[in-house]
């Protein structure tokens, strides 16, 4: 092997070594443990929500082999993030800035499904901005690589060739697809779980489908489509606010509503507070307001 190839190989091994102490094994009653990634030096650990079989009796195993108990602070199945706390002082990996990652970059997936850290190498093959997971979770930055995420890899870290953390790996967001939750998503969800024990998502209590607006309505509203109300939950926020079947939802909190995903995004972190609403009713654009309720 040439010196340059050997040097590069050693650099990757060094990167793994720098981060390995930040990867823990998570025991939650499953036959196969999951992995977790240290989020803060005071013992916050992120892992995959789908990998937790129970909420109590959780344990983590450290690089030293020491096993200790951990407490579940909260979990969000829609973004597949769970937050644990353990006692002690931990090593936190350096986090890579969002714009440092490019398609074609080499990345390493780290996990600890057993006693030692395991590593898989791959290439970033897809990057995109905000994406809405099938369960409704908002993912600020879509990252996909061809790293093989074997059982036990969920909850571990994806790192770049310099040993900086890109995010947390998950196989629970999209069936049959391994994705990485970027640090921006983790930061938002961790803060919500610390504050509320869950991510607060509002709901209106409506059934709706996207529609294309007539030319005159499109000109009045300055958008091409909206969501027509096809059903109302009795006593729900929408019915309480006076919604009618056939109303077309145009904007909520200033955000356009041309798809179900945009409605879900507009309701993120909005519960129990009045939000301005723009609707189209009988050909007339009207301003109103609604108070979404928090999903239980």
Protein backbone atom coordinates (compact mmCIF):
# COMPACT_ATOMS: atom_id res chain seq x y z
CA UNK A 1 0.00 0.00 0.00
CA UNK A 2 1.36 3.44 -0.92
CA UNK A 3 2.28 5.88 1.84
CA UNK A 4 -0.55 8.22 0.84
CA UNK A 5 -3.14 5.43 1.04
CA UNK A 6 -1.76 4.25 4.36
CA UNK A 7 -1.77 7.81 5.72
CA UNK A 8 -5.40 8.25 4.68
CA UNK A 9 -6.33 4.93 6.23
CA UNK A 10 -4.63 5.94 9.47
CA UNK A 11 -6.43 9.30 9.41
CA UNK A 12 -9.81 7.52 9.26
CA UNK A 13 -8.79 5.24 12.11
CA UNK A 14 -7.73 8.29 14.12
CA UNK A 15 -11.12 9.90 13.47
CA UNK A 16 -12.88 6.80 14.79
CA UNK A 17 -10.66 6.71 17.84
CA UNK A 18 -11.48 10.32 18.71
CA UNK A 19 -15.22 9.68 18.68
CA UNK A 20 -15.43 6.11 19.96
CA UNK A 21 -15.72 7.12 23.64
CA UNK A 22 -18.84 9.15 22.74
CA UNK A 23 -20.68 6.08 21.45
CA UNK A 24 -22.50 3.95 24.03
CA UNK A 25 -24.48 0.76 23.96
CA UNK A 26 -28.15 1.12 24.99
CA UNK A 27 -29.86 -1.82 26.68
CA UNK A 28 -33.64 -1.54 26.77
CA UNK A 29 -34.87 -5.10 27.06
CA UNK A 30 -34.36 -5.98 23.42
CA UNK A 31 -32.44 -9.05 22.33
CA UNK A 32 -30.15 -6.81 20.30
CA UNK A 33 -28.99 -3.56 21.96
CA UNK A 34 -29.08 -0.19 20.19
CA UNK A 35 -26.43 2.49 20.14
CA UNK A 36 -26.44 5.97 21.61
CA UNK A 37 -24.41 9.12 21.00
CA UNK A 38 -23.30 11.46 23.78
CA UNK A 39 -24.96 14.85 23.28
CA UNK A 40 -23.60 16.81 26.24
CA UNK A 41 -20.78 16.30 28.69
CA UNK A 42 -23.21 16.22 31.64
CA UNK A 43 -24.73 12.94 30.46
CA UNK A 44 -27.37 13.66 27.81
CA UNK A 45 -27.43 10.85 25.24
CA UNK A 46 -29.45 10.65 22.02
CA UNK A 47 -30.63 7.37 20.62
CA UNK A 48 -33.34 6.04 18.31
CA UNK A 49 -36.85 6.05 19.76
CA UNK A 50 -37.86 2.98 17.78
CA UNK A 51 -35.04 0.96 19.36
CA UNK A 52 -36.37 1.36 22.91
CA UNK A 53 -38.53 -1.53 24.00
CA UNK A 54 -39.30 -0.09 27.44
CA UNK A 55 -39.07 3.21 29.29
CA UNK A 56 -37.61 2.04 32.59
CA UNK A 57 -34.69 -0.19 33.52
CA UNK A 58 -32.53 1.34 30.78
CA UNK A 59 -28.78 0.80 30.87
CA UNK A 60 -25.85 2.08 28.87
CA UNK A 61 -22.43 0.54 28.45
CA UNK A 62 -19.40 2.78 28.07
CA UNK A 63 -16.15 2.28 26.21
CA UNK A 64 -14.52 1.15 29.46
CA UNK A 65 -17.03 -1.69 29.72
CA UNK A 66 -18.74 -0.04 32.69
CA UNK A 67 -22.52 -0.42 32.72
CA UNK A 68 -24.74 2.15 34.39
CA UNK A 69 -28.41 3.01 34.53
CA UNK A 70 -29.97 5.73 32.36
CA UNK A 71 -33.22 7.66 32.60
CA UNK A 72 -35.50 8.35 29.66
CA UNK A 73 -36.22 12.11 29.54
CA UNK A 74 -38.50 11.91 26.51
CA UNK A 75 -38.99 10.39 23.08
CA UNK A 76 -40.41 11.54 19.76
CA UNK A 77 -41.41 8.69 17.48
CA UNK A 78 -42.16 11.08 14.60
CA UNK A 79 -38.48 12.04 14.35
CA UNK A 80 -37.19 8.79 15.90
CA UNK A 81 -35.26 10.56 18.66
CA UNK A 82 -35.11 9.57 22.32
CA UNK A 83 -33.18 11.44 24.99
CA UNK A 84 -31.50 9.70 27.92
CA UNK A 85 -29.61 10.99 30.91
CA UNK A 86 -26.81 9.19 32.69
CA UNK A 87 -24.65 10.25 35.61
CA UNK A 88 -21.07 11.33 35.04
CA UNK A 89 -18.99 13.44 32.72
CA UNK A 90 -18.81 12.34 29.10
CA UNK A 91 -16.82 13.09 25.97
CA UNK A 92 -18.83 14.97 23.32
CA UNK A 93 -17.87 14.71 19.64
CA UNK A 94 -17.18 17.90 17.71
CA UNK A 95 -20.14 18.73 15.46
CA UNK A 96 -19.62 19.46 11.80
CA UNK A 97 -21.33 22.55 10.32
CA UNK A 98 -24.15 21.81 7.89
CA UNK A 99 -22.43 23.33 4.86
CA UNK A 100 -19.32 21.19 5.34
CA UNK A 101 -20.98 18.08 3.86
CA UNK A 102 -21.09 17.38 0.12
CA UNK A 103 -22.33 14.55 -2.05
CA UNK A 104 -19.47 12.14 -2.55
CA UNK A 105 -17.83 12.77 0.83
CA UNK A 106 -16.65 9.72 2.70
CA UNK A 107 -18.45 9.15 6.01
CA UNK A 108 -18.21 6.62 8.82
CA UNK A 109 -21.08 5.14 10.83
CA UNK A 110 -20.16 4.29 14.42
CA UNK A 111 -22.13 2.03 16.71
CA UNK A 112 -21.69 0.00 19.85
CA UNK A 113 -24.06 -2.96 19.58
CA UNK A 114 -21.57 -5.03 21.55
CA UNK A 115 -18.58 -4.47 23.79
CA UNK A 116 -16.55 -2.49 21.24
CA UNK A 117 -17.28 0.16 18.65
CA UNK A 118 -18.11 -1.04 15.14
CA UNK A 119 -17.50 1.06 12.04
CA UNK A 120 -18.88 1.05 8.49
CA UNK A 121 -17.56 3.25 5.68
CA UNK A 122 -19.67 4.82 2.96
CA UNK A 123 -20.32 7.79 0.71
CA UNK A 124 -22.89 10.58 1.02
CA UNK A 125 -25.29 10.07 -1.88
CA UNK A 126 -28.16 12.46 -1.12
CA UNK A 127 -28.48 15.84 0.58
CA UNK A 128 -31.54 18.05 0.71
CA UNK A 129 -33.14 20.74 2.79
CA UNK A 130 -36.20 20.28 5.00
CA UNK A 131 -38.06 16.99 4.70
CA UNK A 132 -41.20 15.71 6.40
CA UNK A 133 -40.99 12.11 7.65
CA UNK A 134 -44.03 9.83 7.12
CA UNK A 135 -44.83 10.10 10.85
CA UNK A 136 -44.99 13.90 10.61
CA UNK A 137 -41.58 14.73 12.07
CA UNK A 138 -39.77 17.72 10.61
CA UNK A 139 -36.24 16.89 9.47
CA UNK A 140 -34.29 20.11 8.87
CA UNK A 141 -31.62 18.56 6.69
CA UNK A 142 -32.04 15.31 4.74
CA UNK A 143 -28.88 13.18 4.70
CA UNK A 144 -28.57 9.76 3.10
CA UNK A 145 -25.45 7.69 2.57
CA UNK A 146 -24.73 4.19 1.34
CA UNK A 147 -23.34 3.17 4.73
CA UNK A 148 -24.73 -0.23 5.69
CA UNK A 149 -26.61 0.24 8.97
CA UNK A 150 -26.75 -3.22 10.48
CA UNK A 151 -28.93 -4.06 13.49
CA UNK A 152 -27.69 -2.10 16.48
CA UNK A 153 -26.38 0.83 14.43
CA UNK A 154 -29.46 3.04 14.96
CA UNK A 155 -28.71 5.76 17.49
CA UNK A 156 -25.02 5.80 16.65
CA UNK A 157 -23.18 8.67 15.00
CA UNK A 158 -22.30 9.42 11.40
CA UNK A 159 -18.95 11.23 11.29
CA UNK A 160 -16.87 12.82 8.56
CA UNK A 161 -13.28 11.95 7.75
CA UNK A 162 -12.09 14.51 10.31
CA UNK A 163 -14.01 12.84 13.13
CA UNK A 164 -16.74 15.48 13.38
CA UNK A 165 -20.29 14.35 14.07
CA UNK A 166 -22.76 14.87 11.22
CA UNK A 167 -25.76 13.49 13.06
CA UNK A 168 -27.48 10.38 14.39
CA UNK A 169 -28.19 7.33 12.25
CA UNK A 170 -31.71 5.91 12.09
CA UNK A 171 -33.46 3.05 10.34
CA UNK A 172 -36.82 3.93 11.89
CA UNK A 173 -37.90 6.94 9.84
CA UNK A 174 -38.44 5.37 6.44
CA UNK A 175 -38.98 1.64 6.01
CA UNK A 176 -36.02 -0.04 4.36
CA UNK A 177 -33.98 3.18 4.25
CA UNK A 178 -31.08 4.27 6.44
CA UNK A 179 -31.03 8.01 7.10
CA UNK A 180 -29.04 10.38 9.27
CA UNK A 181 -30.74 12.97 11.46
CA UNK A 182 -28.65 16.11 11.14
CA UNK A 183 -27.44 17.98 14.21
CA UNK A 184 -29.92 20.82 13.54
CA UNK A 185 -32.83 18.41 13.96
CA UNK A 186 -31.29 16.85 17.05
CA UNK A 187 -30.76 20.27 18.64
CA UNK A 188 -34.42 21.22 18.20
CA UNK A 189 -35.82 17.87 19.34
CA UNK A 190 -33.45 17.58 22.32
CA UNK A 191 -34.51 21.03 23.53
CA UNK A 192 -38.20 20.11 23.20
CA UNK A 193 -37.69 16.84 25.07
CA UNK A 194 -35.77 18.61 27.82
CA UNK A 195 -38.51 21.22 28.19
CA UNK A 196 -41.69 19.20 27.68
CA UNK A 197 -40.70 15.53 27.51
CA UNK A 198 -42.07 15.48 23.96
CA UNK A 199 -42.23 17.57 20.81
CA UNK A 200 -45.39 19.66 20.92
CA UNK A 201 -47.27 19.39 17.64
CA UNK A 202 -50.57 21.14 17.20
CA UNK A 203 -53.57 19.74 15.39
CA UNK A 204 -56.70 21.38 13.99
CA UNK A 205 -59.10 18.45 13.89
CA UNK A 206 -59.73 18.66 10.15
CA UNK A 207 -59.59 16.34 7.18
CA UNK A 208 -58.35 18.09 4.07
CA UNK A 209 -57.04 17.48 0.57
CA UNK A 210 -54.97 19.73 -1.70
CA UNK A 211 -56.86 21.65 -4.39
CA UNK A 212 -55.85 23.98 -7.17
CA UNK A 213 -57.41 27.41 -6.81
CA UNK A 214 -59.50 29.02 -9.56
CA UNK A 215 -57.65 31.74 -11.43
CA UNK A 216 -59.46 34.60 -9.65
CA UNK A 217 -58.84 33.11 -6.20
CA UNK A 218 -55.21 32.41 -7.06
CA UNK A 219 -54.74 36.06 -7.96
CA UNK A 220 -56.44 37.24 -4.76
CA UNK A 221 -54.42 34.95 -2.52
CA UNK A 222 -51.12 35.10 -4.45
CA UNK A 223 -50.82 31.30 -4.41
CA UNK A 224 -51.86 28.49 -6.71
CA UNK A 225 -53.37 26.01 -4.27
CA UNK A 226 -54.75 25.36 -0.80
CA UNK A 227 -56.30 22.65 1.37
CA UNK A 228 -60.05 22.14 1.15
CA UNK A 229 -61.73 21.07 4.38
CA UNK A 230 -63.53 17.74 3.86
CA UNK A 231 -64.21 16.82 7.49
CA UNK A 232 -64.35 18.38 10.96
CA UNK A 233 -63.70 16.70 14.31
CA UNK A 234 -66.64 17.45 16.64
CA UNK A 235 -65.45 19.89 19.28
CA UNK A 236 -62.03 20.13 17.67
CA UNK A 237 -60.07 23.37 17.27
CA UNK A 238 -61.25 23.93 13.70
CA UNK A 239 -64.95 23.42 14.48
CA UNK A 240 -64.60 25.65 17.56
CA UNK A 241 -63.03 28.36 15.40
CA UNK A 242 -65.99 28.23 12.99
CA UNK A 243 -64.50 26.28 10.09
CA UNK A 244 -67.00 25.03 7.52
CA UNK A 245 -66.87 22.11 5.13
CA UNK A 246 -65.63 23.46 1.81
CA UNK A 247 -63.43 26.15 3.31
CA UNK A 248 -60.03 26.29 1.66
CA UNK A 249 -57.11 26.82 4.03
CA UNK A 250 -54.58 29.15 2.45
CA UNK A 251 -52.12 30.25 5.14
CA UNK A 252 -51.49 29.49 8.80
CA UNK A 253 -49.21 31.78 10.74
CA UNK A 254 -48.14 33.35 7.45
CA UNK A 255 -47.07 30.01 5.94
CA UNK A 256 -48.66 28.86 2.70
CA UNK A 257 -50.74 25.67 2.88
CA UNK A 258 -50.60 23.96 -0.50
CA UNK A 259 -49.91 20.44 0.80
CA UNK A 260 -50.55 18.31 3.88
CA UNK A 261 -46.83 18.47 4.64
CA UNK A 262 -46.96 22.26 4.74
CA UNK A 263 -49.87 22.12 7.18
CA UNK A 264 -47.90 19.74 9.42
CA UNK A 265 -44.90 22.06 9.24
CA UNK A 266 -47.03 25.10 10.12
CA UNK A 267 -48.37 23.29 13.20
CA UNK A 268 -44.91 22.33 14.48
CA UNK A 269 -44.37 23.74 18.00
CA UNK A 270 -47.76 25.49 17.83
CA UNK A 271 -50.21 24.38 20.46
CA UNK A 272 -52.54 26.29 22.80
CA UNK A 273 -51.78 29.61 21.14
CA UNK A 274 -53.88 31.63 18.72
CA UNK A 275 -52.49 31.55 15.18
CA UNK A 276 -53.60 33.81 12.28
CA UNK A 277 -55.36 31.94 9.50
CA UNK A 278 -56.27 32.87 5.94
CA UNK A 279 -59.10 30.97 4.25
CA UNK A 280 -61.07 31.07 1.04
CA UNK A 281 -64.83 30.85 1.68
CA UNK A 282 -67.41 31.17 -1.05
CA UNK A 283 -64.85 32.83 -3.31
CA UNK A 284 -63.84 35.42 -0.72
CA UNK A 285 -60.44 35.51 0.99
CA UNK A 286 -60.97 35.99 4.74
CA UNK A 287 -58.66 36.48 7.71
CA UNK A 288 -59.38 34.56 10.89
CA UNK A 289 -57.55 32.76 13.68
CA UNK A 290 -57.47 29.31 15.28
CA UNK A 291 -55.96 27.83 18.43
CA UNK A 292 -54.43 24.40 17.68
CA UNK A 293 -54.46 21.81 20.44
CA UNK A 294 -51.45 19.74 21.40
CA UNK A 295 -51.48 16.15 20.28
CA UNK A 296 -51.59 13.81 23.26
